Amino acid sequence: MAADATSEEKTIVAKATIYLNRMGIPP
């Protein structure tokens, strides 16, 4: 379960980063 949570977290962070980049807001 620990590995699963880490994978999900990475995906969320990646999506958030892409979302901010698309809006033109630096992380």
Foldseek 3Di string as FASTA:
>chain_A
DVVVVVVVVVVVVVVVCVVCVVVVHHD
